[in-house]
């Protein structure tokens, strides 16, 4: 997996505090902090697979709930 680079630009037209808030919002939307946290520590491949599996299960359950096909008795 290659490293994702983000080019985030903020135009400062007055208050630097306002520009800083805009920068923080843009960084949050891009997911820069989340990606950095993910690369800070080593995670074994088995743990990555488990997280992907759990995420997929949750997404499928949410999709079934929104479609109305999920019944707790079938669980």
PDB file of N, CA and C in Angstrom:
ATOM      1  N   UNK A   1       0.847  -1.174   0.000  1.00  0.00           N
ATOM      2  CA  UNK A   1       0.000   0.000   0.000  1.00  0.00           C
ATOM      3  C   UNK A   1       0.892   1.237   0.000  1.00  0.00           C
ATOM      4  N   UNK A   2       0.712   2.083  -1.000  1.00  0.00           N
ATOM      5  CA  UNK A   2       1.532   3.280  -1.089  1.00  0.00           C
ATOM      6  C   UNK A   2       1.063   4.360  -0.145  1.00  0.00           C
ATOM      7  N   UNK A   3       1.943   5.292   0.076  1.00  0.00           N
ATOM      8  CA  UNK A   3       1.576   6.399   0.958  1.00  0.00           C
ATOM      9  C   UNK A   3       0.747   7.404   0.181  1.00  0.00           C
ATOM     10  N   UNK A   4      -0.323   7.848   0.790  1.00  0.00           N
ATOM     11  CA  UNK A   4      -1.205   8.822   0.179  1.00  0.00           C
ATOM     12  C   UNK A   4      -0.742  10.208   0.577  1.00  0.00           C
ATOM     13  N   UNK A   5      -0.590  11.063  -0.392  1.00  0.00           N
ATOM     14  CA  UNK A   5      -0.168  12.427  -0.097  1.00  0.00           C
ATOM     15  C   UNK A   5      -1.350  13.365  -0.296  1.00  0.00           C
ATOM     16  N   UNK A   6      -1.462  14.326   0.575  1.00  0.00           N
ATOM     17  CA  UNK A   6      -2.547  15.286   0.493  1.00  0.00           C
ATOM     18  C   UNK A   6      -1.978  16.679   0.285  1.00  0.00           C
ATOM     19  N   UNK A   7      -2.546  17.378  -0.643  1.00  0.00           N
ATOM     20  CA  UNK A   7      -2.209  18.785  -0.834  1.00  0.00           C
ATOM     21  C   UNK A   7      -3.400  19.598  -0.367  1.00  0.00           C
ATOM     22  N   UNK A   8      -3.256  20.195   0.784  1.00  0.00           N
ATOM     23  CA  UNK A   8      -4.339  20.974   1.369  1.00  0.00           C
ATOM     24  C   UNK A   8      -3.910  22.427   1.397  1.00  0.00           C
ATOM     25  N   UNK A   9      -4.722  23.266   0.770  1.00  0.00           N
ATOM     26  CA  UNK A   9      -4.406  24.696   0.724  1.00  0.00           C
ATOM     27  C   UNK A   9      -5.472  25.485   1.465  1.00  0.00           C
ATOM     28  N   UNK A  10      -5.018  26.473   2.207  1.00  0.00           N
ATOM     29  CA  UNK A  10      -5.919  27.380   2.906  1.00  0.00           C
ATOM     30  C   UNK A  10      -5.476  28.792   2.584  1.00  0.00           C
ATOM     31  N   UNK A  11      -6.409  29.602   2.133  1.00  0.00           N
ATOM     32  CA  UNK A  11      -6.101  30.994   1.804  1.00  0.00           C
ATOM     33  C   UNK A  11      -6.336  31.842   3.049  1.00  0.00           C
ATOM     34  N   UNK A  12      -5.296  32.545   3.466  1.00  0.00           N
ATOM     35  CA  UNK A  12      -5.391  33.387   4.656  1.00  0.00           C
ATOM     36  C   UNK A  12      -5.800  34.782   4.201  1.00  0.00           C
ATOM     37  N   UNK A  13      -7.031  35.163   4.583  1.00  0.00           N
ATOM     38  CA  UNK A  13      -7.538  36.481   4.191  1.00  0.00           C
ATOM     39  C   UNK A  13      -7.984  37.257   5.417  1.00  0.00           C
ATOM     40  N   UNK A  14      -7.167  37.327   6.394  1.00  0.00           N
ATOM     41  CA  UNK A  14      -7.555  38.060   7.597  1.00  0.00           C
ATOM     42  C   UNK A  14      -6.982  37.394   8.813  1.00  0.00           C
ATOM     43  N   UNK A  15      -7.852  36.818   9.603  1.00  0.00           N
ATOM     44  CA  UNK A  15      -7.453  36.239  10.880  1.00  0.00           C
ATOM     45  C   UNK A  15      -6.738  34.900  10.680  1.00  0.00           C
ATOM     46  N   UNK A  16      -5.558  34.767  11.243  1.00  0.00           N
ATOM     47  CA  UNK A  16      -4.873  33.469  11.158  1.00  0.00           C
ATOM     48  C   UNK A  16      -5.606  32.381  11.949  1.00  0.00           C
ATOM     49  N   UNK A  17      -6.368  32.774  12.974  1.00  0.00           N
ATOM     50  CA  UNK A  17      -7.141  31.789  13.726  1.00  0.00           C
ATOM     51  C   UNK A  17      -8.214  31.151  12.844  1.00  0.00           C
ATOM     52  N   UNK A  18      -8.840  31.968  12.020  1.00  0.00           N
ATOM     53  CA  UNK A  18      -9.861  31.452  11.114  1.00  0.00           C
ATOM     54  C   UNK A  18      -9.230  30.514  10.082  1.00  0.00           C
ATOM     55  N   UNK A  19      -8.062  30.891   9.573  1.00  0.00           N
ATOM     56  CA  UNK A  19      -7.359  30.047   8.612  1.00  0.00           C
ATOM     57  C   UNK A  19      -6.965  28.719   9.253  1.00  0.00           C
ATOM     58  N   UNK A  20      -6.561  28.750  10.517  1.00  0.00           N
ATOM     59  CA  UNK A  20      -6.197  27.528  11.227  1.00  0.00           C
ATOM     60  C   UNK A  20      -7.406  26.614  11.394  1.00  0.00           C
ATOM     61  N   UNK A  21      -8.560  27.193  11.708  1.00  0.00           N
ATOM     62  CA  UNK A  21      -9.785  26.394  11.832  1.00  0.00           C
ATOM     63  C   UNK A  21     -10.137  25.748  10.499  1.00  0.00           C
ATOM     64  N   UNK A  22     -10.003  26.516   9.401  1.00  0.00           N
ATOM     65  CA  UNK A  22     -10.286  25.970   8.077  1.00  0.00           C
ATOM     66  C   UNK A  22      -9.331  24.821   7.747  1.00  0.00           C
ATOM     67  N   UNK A  23      -8.055  24.993   8.095  1.00  0.00           N
ATOM     68  CA  UNK A  23      -7.066  23.950   7.851  1.00  0.00           C
ATOM     69  C   UNK A  23      -7.417  22.683   8.626  1.00  0.00           C
ATOM     70  N   UNK A  24      -7.789  22.827   9.880  1.00  0.00           N
ATOM     71  CA  UNK A  24      -8.153  21.670  10.697  1.00  0.00           C
ATOM     72  C   UNK A  24      -9.354  20.938  10.114  1.00  0.00           C
ATOM     73  N   UNK A  25     -10.356  21.688   9.638  1.00  0.00           N
ATOM     74  CA  UNK A  25     -11.534  21.065   9.038  1.00  0.00           C
ATOM     75  C   UNK A  25     -11.163  20.290   7.781  1.00  0.00           C
ATOM     76  N   UNK A  26     -10.325  20.900   6.949  1.00  0.00           N
ATOM     77  CA  UNK A  26      -9.923  20.233   5.710  1.00  0.00           C
ATOM     78  C   UNK A  26      -9.110  18.981   5.996  1.00  0.00           C
ATOM     79  N   UNK A  27      -8.223  19.048   6.985  1.00  0.00           N
ATOM     80  CA  UNK A  27      -7.431  17.877   7.358  1.00  0.00           C
ATOM     81  C   UNK A  27      -8.337  16.758   7.860  1.00  0.00           C
ATOM     82  N   UNK A  28      -9.344  17.108   8.649  1.00  0.00           N
ATOM     83  CA  UNK A  28     -10.270  16.110   9.175  1.00  0.00           C
ATOM     84  C   UNK A  28     -11.065  15.457   8.043  1.00  0.00           C
ATOM     85  N   UNK A  29     -11.533  16.271   7.096  1.00  0.00           N
ATOM     86  CA  UNK A  29     -12.303  15.730   5.971  1.00  0.00           C
ATOM     87  C   UNK A  29     -11.469  14.805   5.094  1.00  0.00           C
ATOM     88  N   UNK A  30     -10.206  15.141   4.910  1.00  0.00           N
ATOM     89  CA  UNK A  30      -9.319  14.327   4.073  1.00  0.00           C
ATOM     90  C   UNK A  30      -8.905  13.040   4.771  1.00  0.00           C
ATOM     91  N   UNK A  31      -9.012  12.986   6.091  1.00  0.00           N
ATOM     92  CA  UNK A  31      -8.625  11.787   6.826  1.00  0.00           C
ATOM     93  C   UNK A  31      -7.125  11.676   7.035  1.00  0.00           C
ATOM     94  N   UNK A  32      -6.431  12.798   7.027  1.00  0.00           N
ATOM     95  CA  UNK A  32      -4.975  12.801   7.167  1.00  0.00           C
ATOM     96  C   UNK A  32      -4.561  12.255   8.526  1.00  0.00           C
ATOM     97  N   UNK A  33      -5.218  12.701   9.579  1.00  0.00           N
ATOM     98  CA  UNK A  33      -4.856  12.273  10.928  1.00  0.00           C
ATOM     99  C   UNK A  33      -5.120  10.783  11.093  1.00  0.00           C
ATOM    100  N   UNK A  34      -6.244  10.316  10.570  1.00  0.00           N
ATOM    101  CA  UNK A  34      -6.578   8.898  10.667  1.00  0.00           C
ATOM    102  C   UNK A  34      -5.524   8.043   9.968  1.00  0.00           C
ATOM    103  N   UNK A  35      -5.099   8.462   8.780  1.00  0.00           N
ATOM    104  CA  UNK A  35      -4.069   7.725   8.050  1.00  0.00           C
ATOM    105  C   UNK A  35      -2.738   7.750   8.793  1.00  0.00           C
ATOM    106  N   UNK A  36      -2.410   8.886   9.394  1.00  0.00           N
ATOM    107  CA  UNK A  36      -1.150   8.979  10.141  1.00  0.00           C
ATOM    108  C   UNK A  36      -1.183   8.043  11.344  1.00  0.00           C
ATOM    109  N   UNK A  37      -2.303   8.009  12.058  1.00  0.00           N
ATOM    110  CA  UNK A  37      -2.410   7.137  13.216  1.00  0.00           C
ATOM    111  C   UNK A  37      -2.307   5.673  12.807  1.00  0.00           C
ATOM    112  N   UNK A  38      -2.833   5.352  11.645  1.00  0.00           N
ATOM    113  CA  UNK A  38      -2.796   3.980  11.163  1.00  0.00           C
ATOM    114  C   UNK A  38      -1.367   3.533  10.871  1.00  0.00           C
ATOM    115  N   UNK A  39      -0.518   4.450  10.437  1.00  0.00           N
ATOM    116  CA  UNK A  39       0.846   4.082  10.074  1.00  0.00           C
ATOM    117  C   UNK A  39       1.829   4.235  11.239  1.00  0.00           C
ATOM    118  N   UNK A  40       1.376   4.758  12.370  1.00  0.00           N
ATOM    119  CA  UNK A  40       2.279   4.995  13.491  1.00  0.00           C
ATOM    120  C   UNK A  40       2.722   3.676  14.127  1.00  0.00           C
ATOM    121  N   UNK A  41       1.828   2.712  14.225  1.00  0.00           N
ATOM    122  CA  UNK A  41       2.168   1.472  14.887  1.00  0.00           C
ATOM    123  C   UNK A  41       2.020   0.298  13.919  1.00  0.00           C
ATOM    124  N   UNK A  42       2.755  -0.771  14.183  1.00  0.00           N
ATOM    125  CA  UNK A  42       2.703  -1.960  13.348  1.00  0.00           C
ATOM    126  C   UNK A  42       1.474  -2.773  13.694  1.00  0.00           C
ATOM    127  N   UNK A  43       0.744  -3.176  12.669  1.00  0.00           N
ATOM    128  CA  UNK A  43      -0.443  -3.989  12.862  1.00  0.00           C
ATOM    129  C   UNK A  43      -0.278  -5.259  12.030  1.00  0.00           C
ATOM    130  N   UNK A  44      -0.320  -6.429  12.659  1.00  0.00           N
ATOM    131  CA  UNK A  44      -0.150  -7.675  11.914  1.00  0.00           C
ATOM    132  C   UNK A  44      -1.239  -7.848  10.848  1.00  0.00           C
ATOM    133  N   UNK A  45      -0.906  -8.596   9.815  1.00  0.00           N
ATOM    134  CA  UNK A  45      -1.843  -8.805   8.710  1.00  0.00           C
ATOM    135  C   UNK A  45      -3.127  -9.484   9.183  1.00  0.00           C
ATOM    136  N   UNK A  46      -3.029 -10.402  10.151  1.00  0.00           N
ATOM    137  CA  UNK A  46      -4.219 -11.077  10.651  1.00  0.00           C
ATOM    138  C   UNK A  46      -5.166 -10.087  11.327  1.00  0.00           C
ATOM    139  N   UNK A  47      -4.599  -9.108  12.027  1.00  0.00           N
ATOM    140  CA  UNK A  47      -5.432  -8.102  12.686  1.00  0.00           C
ATOM    141  C   UNK A  47      -6.102  -7.192  11.653  1.00  0.00           C
ATOM    142  N   UNK A  48      -5.379  -6.873  10.580  1.00  0.00           N
ATOM    143  CA  UNK A  48      -5.965  -6.061   9.511  1.00  0.00           C
ATOM    144  C   UNK A  48      -7.140  -6.791   8.881  1.00  0.00           C
ATOM    145  N   UNK A  49      -6.952  -8.101   8.613  1.00  0.00           N
ATOM    146  CA  UNK A  49      -8.031  -8.892   8.011  1.00  0.00           C
ATOM    147  C   UNK A  49      -9.240  -8.945   8.939  1.00  0.00           C
ATOM    148  N   UNK A  50      -8.990  -9.121  10.243  1.00  0.00           N
ATOM    149  CA  UNK A  50     -10.087  -9.188  11.204  1.00  0.00           C
ATOM    150  C   UNK A  50     -10.860  -7.878  11.236  1.00  0.00           C
ATOM    151  N   UNK A  51     -10.143  -6.744  11.204  1.00  0.00           N
ATOM    152  CA  UNK A  51     -10.815  -5.439  11.216  1.00  0.00           C
ATOM    153  C   UNK A  51     -11.651  -5.246   9.957  1.00  0.00           C
ATOM    154  N   UNK A  52     -11.101  -5.668   8.796  1.00  0.00           N
ATOM    155  CA  UNK A  52     -11.863  -5.554   7.547  1.00  0.00           C
ATOM    156  C   UNK A  52     -13.112  -6.415   7.596  1.00  0.00           C
ATOM    157  N   UNK A  53     -12.993  -7.624   8.157  1.00  0.00           N
ATOM    158  CA  UNK A  53     -14.136  -8.526   8.264  1.00  0.00           C
ATOM    159  C   UNK A  53     -15.214  -7.934   9.166  1.00  0.00           C
ATOM    160  N   UNK A  54     -14.818  -7.417  10.323  1.00  0.00           N
ATOM    161  CA  UNK A  54     -15.782  -6.824  11.257  1.00  0.00           C
ATOM    162  C   UNK A  54     -16.459  -5.617  10.614  1.00  0.00           C
ATOM    163  N   UNK A  55     -15.679  -4.786   9.904  1.00  0.00           N
ATOM    164  CA  UNK A  55     -16.248  -3.624   9.223  1.00  0.00           C
ATOM    165  C   UNK A  55     -17.263  -4.063   8.168  1.00  0.00           C
ATOM    166  N   UNK A  56     -16.942  -5.118   7.402  1.00  0.00           N
ATOM    167  CA  UNK A  56     -17.845  -5.613   6.370  1.00  0.00           C
ATOM    168  C   UNK A  56     -19.133  -6.154   6.982  1.00  0.00           C
ATOM    169  N   UNK A  57     -19.019  -6.866   8.090  1.00  0.00           N
ATOM    170  CA  UNK A  57     -20.208  -7.405   8.762  1.00  0.00           C
ATOM    171  C   UNK A  57     -21.107  -6.275   9.235  1.00  0.00           C
ATOM    172  N   UNK A  58     -20.504  -5.255   9.857  1.00  0.00           N
ATOM    173  CA  UNK A  58     -21.299  -4.119  10.332  1.00  0.00           C
ATOM    174  C   UNK A  58     -21.988  -3.397   9.176  1.00  0.00           C
ATOM    175  N   UNK A  59     -21.264  -3.207   8.072  1.00  0.00           N
ATOM    176  CA  UNK A  59     -21.852  -2.538   6.913  1.00  0.00           C
ATOM    177  C   UNK A  59     -23.018  -3.347   6.348  1.00  0.00           C
ATOM    178  N   UNK A  60     -22.863  -4.683   6.287  1.00  0.00           N
ATOM    179  CA  UNK A  60     -23.942  -5.524   5.775  1.00  0.00           C
ATOM    180  C   UNK A  60     -25.162  -5.469   6.677  1.00  0.00           C
ATOM    181  N   UNK A  61     -24.940  -5.484   7.999  1.00  0.00           N
ATOM    182  CA  UNK A  61     -26.069  -5.397   8.926  1.00  0.00           C
ATOM    183  C   UNK A  61     -26.781  -4.062   8.771  1.00  0.00           C
ATOM    184  N   UNK A  62     -26.008  -2.966   8.664  1.00  0.00           N
ATOM    185  CA  UNK A  62     -26.634  -1.648   8.487  1.00  0.00           C
ATOM    186  C   UNK A  62     -27.410  -1.581   7.179  1.00  0.00           C
ATOM    187  N   UNK A  63     -26.856  -2.185   6.122  1.00  0.00           N
ATOM    188  CA  UNK A  63     -27.537  -2.194   4.828  1.00  0.00           C
ATOM    189  C   UNK A  63     -28.837  -2.980   4.930  1.00  0.00           C
ATOM    190  N   UNK A  64     -28.802  -4.114   5.637  1.00  0.00           N
ATOM    191  CA  UNK A  64     -30.009  -4.925   5.797  1.00  0.00           C
ATOM    192  C   UNK A  64     -31.056  -4.201   6.629  1.00  0.00           C
ATOM    193  N   UNK A  65     -30.609  -3.460   7.644  1.00  0.00           N
ATOM    194  CA  UNK A  65     -31.552  -2.707   8.484  1.00  0.00           C
ATOM    195  C   UNK A  65     -32.239  -1.632   7.655  1.00  0.00           C
ATOM    196  N   UNK A  66     -31.472  -0.917   6.831  1.00  0.00           N
ATOM    197  CA  UNK A  66     -32.073   0.159   6.031  1.00  0.00           C
ATOM    198  C   UNK A  66     -33.013  -0.404   4.967  1.00  0.00           C
ATOM    199  N   UNK A  67     -32.755  -1.634   4.495  1.00  0.00           N
ATOM    200  CA  UNK A  67     -33.624  -2.247   3.503  1.00  0.00           C
ATOM    201  C   UNK A  67     -34.813  -2.931   4.155  1.00  0.00           C
ATOM    202  N   UNK A  68     -34.751  -3.121   5.480  1.00  0.00           N
ATOM    203  CA  UNK A  68     -35.833  -3.748   6.203  1.00  0.00           C
ATOM    204  C   UNK A  68     -35.796  -5.264   6.163  1.00  0.00           C
ATOM    205  N   UNK A  69     -34.653  -5.853   5.782  1.00  0.00           N
ATOM    206  CA  UNK A  69     -34.571  -7.318   5.698  1.00  0.00           C
ATOM    207  C   UNK A  69     -33.877  -7.926   6.911  1.00  0.00           C
ATOM    208  N   UNK A  70     -33.465  -7.102   7.858  1.00  0.00           N
ATOM    209  CA  UNK A  70     -32.759  -7.616   9.028  1.00  0.00           C
ATOM    210  C   UNK A  70     -33.757  -7.900  10.129  1.00  0.00           C
ATOM    211  N   UNK A  71     -33.669  -9.104  10.684  1.00  0.00           N
ATOM    212  CA  UNK A  71     -34.528  -9.500  11.784  1.00  0.00           C
ATOM    213  C   UNK A  71     -33.623 -10.052  12.880  1.00  0.00           C
ATOM    214  N   UNK A  72     -33.766  -9.573  14.097  1.00  0.00           N
ATOM    215  CA  UNK A  72     -32.891 -10.002  15.182  1.00  0.00           C
ATOM    216  C   UNK A  72     -33.015 -11.498  15.459  1.00  0.00           C
ATOM    217  N   UNK A  73     -34.146 -12.106  15.129  1.00  0.00           N
ATOM    218  CA  UNK A  73     -34.337 -13.536  15.367  1.00  0.00           C
ATOM    219  C   UNK A  73     -33.453 -14.353  14.434  1.00  0.00           C
ATOM    220  N   UNK A  74     -33.097 -13.809  13.267  1.00  0.00           N
ATOM    221  CA  UNK A  74     -32.237 -14.535  12.311  1.00  0.00           C
ATOM    222  C   UNK A  74     -30.796 -14.490  12.714  1.00  0.00           C
ATOM    223  N   UNK A  75     -30.461 -13.628  13.611  1.00  0.00           N
ATOM    224  CA  UNK A  75     -29.082 -13.467  14.070  1.00  0.00           C
ATOM    225  C   UNK A  75     -28.699 -14.578  14.931  1.00  0.00           C
TER     226      UNK A  75
END
